[in-house]
Amino acid sequence: MEKKLKYRLITGKDDANFCKRISKLLDEGYKLYGSPSCTFNGEDVIVAQAVIINDNSEKK
């Protein structure tokens, strides 16, 4: 099994799919890191959320 990245920045449209992606990572042991960011690209609100995982939390 591949080692999980310690830091990830997840980006996407502000929709249910984005929330599901973040929720899945939280279920896998990641923790939110910092505040979310958002911007508007002229059509959609785009959001970003950083997540981190501690080496001791990794599933092997």
PDB file of N, CA and C in Angstrom:
ATOM      1  N   MET A   1       0.846  -1.192   0.000  1.00  0.00           N
ATOM      2  CA  MET A   1       0.000   0.000   0.000  1.00  0.00           C
ATOM      3  C   MET A   1       0.888   1.251   0.000  1.00  0.00           C
ATOM      4  N   GLU A   2       0.507   2.229  -0.789  1.00  0.00           N
ATOM      5  CA  GLU A   2       1.271   3.466  -0.865  1.00  0.00           C
ATOM      6  C   GLU A   2       1.150   4.261   0.424  1.00  0.00           C
ATOM      7  N   LYS A   3       2.249   4.942   0.771  1.00  0.00           N
ATOM      8  CA  LYS A   3       2.236   5.812   1.938  1.00  0.00           C
ATOM      9  C   LYS A   3       1.384   7.040   1.624  1.00  0.00           C
ATOM     10  N   LYS A   4       0.553   7.431   2.578  1.00  0.00           N
ATOM     11  CA  LYS A   4      -0.299   8.606   2.376  1.00  0.00           C
ATOM     12  C   LYS A   4       0.537   9.876   2.416  1.00  0.00           C
ATOM     13  N   LEU A   5       0.161  10.841   1.611  1.00  0.00           N
ATOM     14  CA  LEU A   5       0.804  12.151   1.655  1.00  0.00           C
ATOM     15  C   LEU A   5       0.456  12.819   2.975  1.00  0.00           C
ATOM     16  N   LYS A   6       1.438  13.466   3.602  1.00  0.00           N
ATOM     17  CA  LYS A   6       1.191  14.126   4.888  1.00  0.00           C
ATOM     18  C   LYS A   6       0.340  15.379   4.731  1.00  0.00           C
ATOM     19  N   TYR A   7       0.424  16.020   3.579  1.00  0.00           N
ATOM     20  CA  TYR A   7      -0.290  17.281   3.327  1.00  0.00           C
ATOM     21  C   TYR A   7      -0.968  17.181   1.973  1.00  0.00           C
ATOM     22  N   ARG A   8      -2.206  17.602   1.928  1.00  0.00           N
ATOM     23  CA  ARG A   8      -2.929  17.667   0.655  1.00  0.00           C
ATOM     24  C   ARG A   8      -3.747  18.948   0.626  1.00  0.00           C
ATOM     25  N   LEU A   9      -3.821  19.569  -0.541  1.00  0.00           N
ATOM     26  CA  LEU A   9      -4.685  20.721  -0.753  1.00  0.00           C
ATOM     27  C   LEU A   9      -5.757  20.286  -1.741  1.00  0.00           C
ATOM     28  N   ILE A  10      -6.982  20.221  -1.257  1.00  0.00           N
ATOM     29  CA  ILE A  10      -8.103  19.765  -2.068  1.00  0.00           C
ATOM     30  C   ILE A  10      -8.825  20.992  -2.606  1.00  0.00           C
ATOM     31  N   THR A  11      -9.079  21.016  -3.909  1.00  0.00           N
ATOM     32  CA  THR A  11      -9.773  22.142  -4.532  1.00  0.00           C
ATOM     33  C   THR A  11     -10.911  21.627  -5.397  1.00  0.00           C
ATOM     34  N   GLY A  12     -11.882  22.486  -5.630  1.00  0.00           N
ATOM     35  CA  GLY A  12     -12.985  22.121  -6.509  1.00  0.00           C
ATOM     36  C   GLY A  12     -14.153  23.067  -6.361  1.00  0.00           C
ATOM     37  N   LYS A  13     -15.195  22.794  -7.153  1.00  0.00           N
ATOM     38  CA  LYS A  13     -16.427  23.576  -7.049  1.00  0.00           C
ATOM     39  C   LYS A  13     -17.037  23.369  -5.673  1.00  0.00           C
ATOM     40  N   ASP A  14     -17.658  24.414  -5.158  1.00  0.00           N
ATOM     41  CA  ASP A  14     -18.318  24.339  -3.854  1.00  0.00           C
ATOM     42  C   ASP A  14     -19.653  23.621  -4.023  1.00  0.00           C
ATOM     43  N   ASP A  15     -19.590  22.293  -3.936  1.00  0.00           N
ATOM     44  CA  ASP A  15     -20.798  21.489  -4.107  1.00  0.00           C
ATOM     45  C   ASP A  15     -20.728  20.257  -3.202  1.00  0.00           C
ATOM     46  N   ALA A  16     -21.740  19.422  -3.275  1.00  0.00           N
ATOM     47  CA  ALA A  16     -21.801  18.229  -2.424  1.00  0.00           C
ATOM     48  C   ALA A  16     -20.628  17.288  -2.697  1.00  0.00           C
ATOM     49  N   ASN A  17     -20.180  17.214  -3.936  1.00  0.00           N
ATOM     50  CA  ASN A  17     -19.054  16.344  -4.269  1.00  0.00           C
ATOM     51  C   ASN A  17     -17.791  16.765  -3.522  1.00  0.00           C
ATOM     52  N   PHE A  18     -17.542  18.070  -3.448  1.00  0.00           N
ATOM     53  CA  PHE A  18     -16.374  18.560  -2.711  1.00  0.00           C
ATOM     54  C   PHE A  18     -16.490  18.163  -1.242  1.00  0.00           C
ATOM     55  N   CYS A  19     -17.653  18.348  -0.662  1.00  0.00           N
ATOM     56  CA  CYS A  19     -17.866  17.981   0.748  1.00  0.00           C
ATOM     57  C   CYS A  19     -17.653  16.487   0.959  1.00  0.00           C
ATOM     58  N   LYS A  20     -18.091  15.666   0.013  1.00  0.00           N
ATOM     59  CA  LYS A  20     -17.890  14.216   0.116  1.00  0.00           C
ATOM     60  C   LYS A  20     -16.408  13.870   0.060  1.00  0.00           C
ATOM     61  N   ARG A  21     -15.655  14.553  -0.794  1.00  0.00           N
ATOM     62  CA  ARG A  21     -14.211  14.301  -0.894  1.00  0.00           C
ATOM     63  C   ARG A  21     -13.513  14.616   0.421  1.00  0.00           C
ATOM     64  N   ILE A  22     -13.856  15.755   1.015  1.00  0.00           N
ATOM     65  CA  ILE A  22     -13.252  16.130   2.297  1.00  0.00           C
ATOM     66  C   ILE A  22     -13.685  15.156   3.384  1.00  0.00           C
ATOM     67  N   SER A  23     -14.954  14.803   3.417  1.00  0.00           N
ATOM     68  CA  SER A  23     -15.458  13.865   4.428  1.00  0.00           C
ATOM     69  C   SER A  23     -14.744  12.523   4.338  1.00  0.00           C
ATOM     70  N   LYS A  24     -14.501  12.042   3.123  1.00  0.00           N
ATOM     71  CA  LYS A  24     -13.797  10.768   2.944  1.00  0.00           C
ATOM     72  C   LYS A  24     -12.383  10.851   3.508  1.00  0.00           C
ATOM     73  N   LEU A  25     -11.696  11.948   3.250  1.00  0.00           N
ATOM     74  CA  LEU A  25     -10.344  12.111   3.784  1.00  0.00           C
ATOM     75  C   LEU A  25     -10.354  12.162   5.310  1.00  0.00           C
ATOM     76  N   LEU A  26     -11.346  12.832   5.884  1.00  0.00           N
ATOM     77  CA  LEU A  26     -11.455  12.863   7.343  1.00  0.00           C
ATOM     78  C   LEU A  26     -11.676  11.456   7.888  1.00  0.00           C
ATOM     79  N   ASP A  27     -12.489  10.669   7.214  1.00  0.00           N
ATOM     80  CA  ASP A  27     -12.717   9.276   7.616  1.00  0.00           C
ATOM     81  C   ASP A  27     -11.437   8.445   7.524  1.00  0.00           C
ATOM     82  N   GLU A  28     -10.536   8.823   6.616  1.00  0.00           N
ATOM     83  CA  GLU A  28      -9.274   8.100   6.435  1.00  0.00           C
ATOM     84  C   GLU A  28      -8.195   8.543   7.415  1.00  0.00           C
ATOM     85  N   GLY A  29      -8.516   9.495   8.292  1.00  0.00           N
ATOM     86  CA  GLY A  29      -7.549   9.912   9.304  1.00  0.00           C
ATOM     87  C   GLY A  29      -6.943  11.284   9.107  1.00  0.00           C
ATOM     88  N   TYR A  30      -7.268  11.948   7.997  1.00  0.00           N
ATOM     89  CA  TYR A  30      -6.770  13.305   7.793  1.00  0.00           C
ATOM     90  C   TYR A  30      -7.494  14.269   8.723  1.00  0.00           C
ATOM     91  N   LYS A  31      -6.844  15.382   9.028  1.00  0.00           N
ATOM     92  CA  LYS A  31      -7.419  16.452   9.837  1.00  0.00           C
ATOM     93  C   LYS A  31      -7.411  17.734   9.009  1.00  0.00           C
ATOM     94  N   LEU A  32      -8.427  18.576   9.227  1.00  0.00           N
ATOM     95  CA  LEU A  32      -8.446  19.871   8.544  1.00  0.00           C
ATOM     96  C   LEU A  32      -7.243  20.679   8.994  1.00  0.00           C
ATOM     97  N   TYR A  33      -6.652  21.432   8.074  1.00  0.00           N
ATOM     98  CA  TYR A  33      -5.487  22.249   8.384  1.00  0.00           C
ATOM     99  C   TYR A  33      -5.762  23.663   7.889  1.00  0.00           C
ATOM    100  N   GLY A  34      -5.971  24.571   8.816  1.00  0.00           N
ATOM    101  CA  GLY A  34      -6.257  25.949   8.444  1.00  0.00           C
ATOM    102  C   GLY A  34      -7.694  26.140   8.007  1.00  0.00           C
ATOM    103  N   SER A  35      -7.969  27.346   7.603  1.00  0.00           N
ATOM    104  CA  SER A  35      -9.316  27.715   7.169  1.00  0.00           C
ATOM    105  C   SER A  35      -9.495  27.420   5.685  1.00  0.00           C
ATOM    106  N   PRO A  36     -10.723  27.149   5.267  1.00  0.00           N
ATOM    107  CA  PRO A  36     -10.968  26.987   3.836  1.00  0.00           C
ATOM    108  C   PRO A  36     -10.837  28.331   3.123  1.00  0.00           C
ATOM    109  N   SER A  37     -10.556  28.274   1.851  1.00  0.00           N
ATOM    110  CA  SER A  37     -10.501  29.471   1.010  1.00  0.00           C
ATOM    111  C   SER A  37     -11.520  29.322  -0.100  1.00  0.00           C
ATOM    112  N   CYS A  38     -12.002  30.453  -0.601  1.00  0.00           N
ATOM    113  CA  CYS A  38     -12.916  30.390  -1.737  1.00  0.00           C
ATOM    114  C   CYS A  38     -12.697  31.588  -2.646  1.00  0.00           C
ATOM    115  N   THR A  39     -13.037  31.374  -3.898  1.00  0.00           N
ATOM    116  CA  THR A  39     -12.948  32.418  -4.907  1.00  0.00           C
ATOM    117  C   THR A  39     -14.060  32.172  -5.918  1.00  0.00           C
ATOM    118  N   PHE A  40     -14.267  33.126  -6.774  1.00  0.00           N
ATOM    119  CA  PHE A  40     -15.291  33.012  -7.810  1.00  0.00           C
ATOM    120  C   PHE A  40     -14.601  33.131  -9.158  1.00  0.00           C
ATOM    121  N   ASN A  41     -14.816  32.161 -10.041  1.00  0.00           N
ATOM    122  CA  ASN A  41     -14.140  32.159 -11.340  1.00  0.00           C
ATOM    123  C   ASN A  41     -14.995  32.742 -12.467  1.00  0.00           C
ATOM    124  N   GLY A  42     -16.085  33.407 -12.124  1.00  0.00           N
ATOM    125  CA  GLY A  42     -16.976  33.954 -13.133  1.00  0.00           C
ATOM    126  C   GLY A  42     -18.197  33.087 -13.369  1.00  0.00           C
ATOM    127  N   GLU A  43     -18.106  31.821 -12.985  1.00  0.00           N
ATOM    128  CA  GLU A  43     -19.233  30.895 -13.110  1.00  0.00           C
ATOM    129  C   GLU A  43     -19.560  30.201 -11.797  1.00  0.00           C
ATOM    130  N   ASP A  44     -18.520  29.711 -11.130  1.00  0.00           N
ATOM    131  CA  ASP A  44     -18.705  28.895  -9.934  1.00  0.00           C
ATOM    132  C   ASP A  44     -17.866  29.424  -8.779  1.00  0.00           C
ATOM    133  N   VAL A  45     -18.302  29.107  -7.569  1.00  0.00           N
ATOM    134  CA  VAL A  45     -17.468  29.329  -6.393  1.00  0.00           C
ATOM    135  C   VAL A  45     -16.513  28.141  -6.310  1.00  0.00           C
ATOM    136  N   ILE A  46     -15.223  28.434  -6.239  1.00  0.00           N
ATOM    137  CA  ILE A  46     -14.185  27.411  -6.134  1.00  0.00           C
ATOM    138  C   ILE A  46     -13.632  27.464  -4.715  1.00  0.00           C
ATOM    139  N   VAL A  47     -13.548  26.294  -4.082  1.00  0.00           N
ATOM    140  CA  VAL A  47     -13.085  26.232  -2.698  1.00  0.00           C
ATOM    141  C   VAL A  47     -11.807  25.408  -2.606  1.00  0.00           C
ATOM    142  N   ALA A  48     -11.069  25.655  -1.537  1.00  0.00           N
ATOM    143  CA  ALA A  48      -9.842  24.912  -1.257  1.00  0.00           C
ATOM    144  C   ALA A  48      -9.778  24.641   0.237  1.00  0.00           C
ATOM    145  N   GLN A  49      -9.338  23.434   0.584  1.00  0.00           N
ATOM    146  CA  GLN A  49      -9.157  23.079   1.990  1.00  0.00           C
ATOM    147  C   GLN A  49      -7.919  22.207   2.103  1.00  0.00           C
ATOM    148  N   ALA A  50      -7.012  22.603   2.981  1.00  0.00           N
ATOM    149  CA  ALA A  50      -5.831  21.789   3.249  1.00  0.00           C
ATOM    150  C   ALA A  50      -6.165  20.763   4.317  1.00  0.00           C
ATOM    151  N   VAL A  51      -5.582  19.576   4.166  1.00  0.00           N
ATOM    152  CA  VAL A  51      -5.715  18.520   5.164  1.00  0.00           C
ATOM    153  C   VAL A  51      -4.330  17.930   5.418  1.00  0.00           C
ATOM    154  N   ILE A  52      -4.121  17.450   6.642  1.00  0.00           N
ATOM    155  CA  ILE A  52      -2.853  16.822   7.012  1.00  0.00           C
ATOM    156  C   ILE A  52      -3.139  15.505   7.720  1.00  0.00           C
ATOM    157  N   ILE A  53      -2.133  14.650   7.739  1.00  0.00           N
ATOM    158  CA  ILE A  53      -2.232  13.405   8.491  1.00  0.00           C
ATOM    159  C   ILE A  53      -0.937  13.232   9.273  1.00  0.00           C
ATOM    160  N   ASN A  54      -1.059  12.742  10.489  1.00  0.00           N
ATOM    161  CA  ASN A  54       0.085  12.476  11.345  1.00  0.00           C
ATOM    162  C   ASN A  54       0.644  11.110  10.972  1.00  0.00           C
ATOM    163  N   ASP A  55       1.957  10.966  10.969  1.00  0.00           N
ATOM    164  CA  ASP A  55       2.587   9.670  10.660  1.00  0.00           C
ATOM    165  C   ASP A  55       2.003   8.539  11.493  1.00  0.00           C
ATOM    166  N   ASN A  56       1.667   8.804  12.745  1.00  0.00           N
ATOM    167  CA  ASN A  56       1.145   7.774  13.639  1.00  0.00           C
ATOM    168  C   ASN A  56      -0.279   7.375  13.292  1.00  0.00           C
ATOM    169  N   SER A  57      -0.978   8.182  12.481  1.00  0.00           N
ATOM    170  CA  SER A  57      -2.373   7.908  12.132  1.00  0.00           C
ATOM    171  C   SER A  57      -2.507   7.052  10.884  1.00  0.00           C
ATOM    172  N   GLU A  58      -1.408   6.853  10.165  1.00  0.00           N
ATOM    173  CA  GLU A  58      -1.491   6.151   8.886  1.00  0.00           C
ATOM    174  C   GLU A  58      -1.911   4.709   9.074  1.00  0.00           C
ATOM    175  N   LYS A  59      -2.774   4.256   8.188  1.00  0.00           N
ATOM    176  CA  LYS A  59      -3.185   2.857   8.171  1.00  0.00           C
ATOM    177  C   LYS A  59      -2.193   2.088   7.313  1.00  0.00           C
ATOM    178  N   LYS A  60      -1.729   0.980   7.806  1.00  0.00           N
ATOM    179  CA  LYS A  60      -0.736   0.199   7.058  1.00  0.00           C
ATOM    180  C   LYS A  60      -1.352  -1.047   6.511  1.00  0.00           C
TER     181      LYS A  60
END
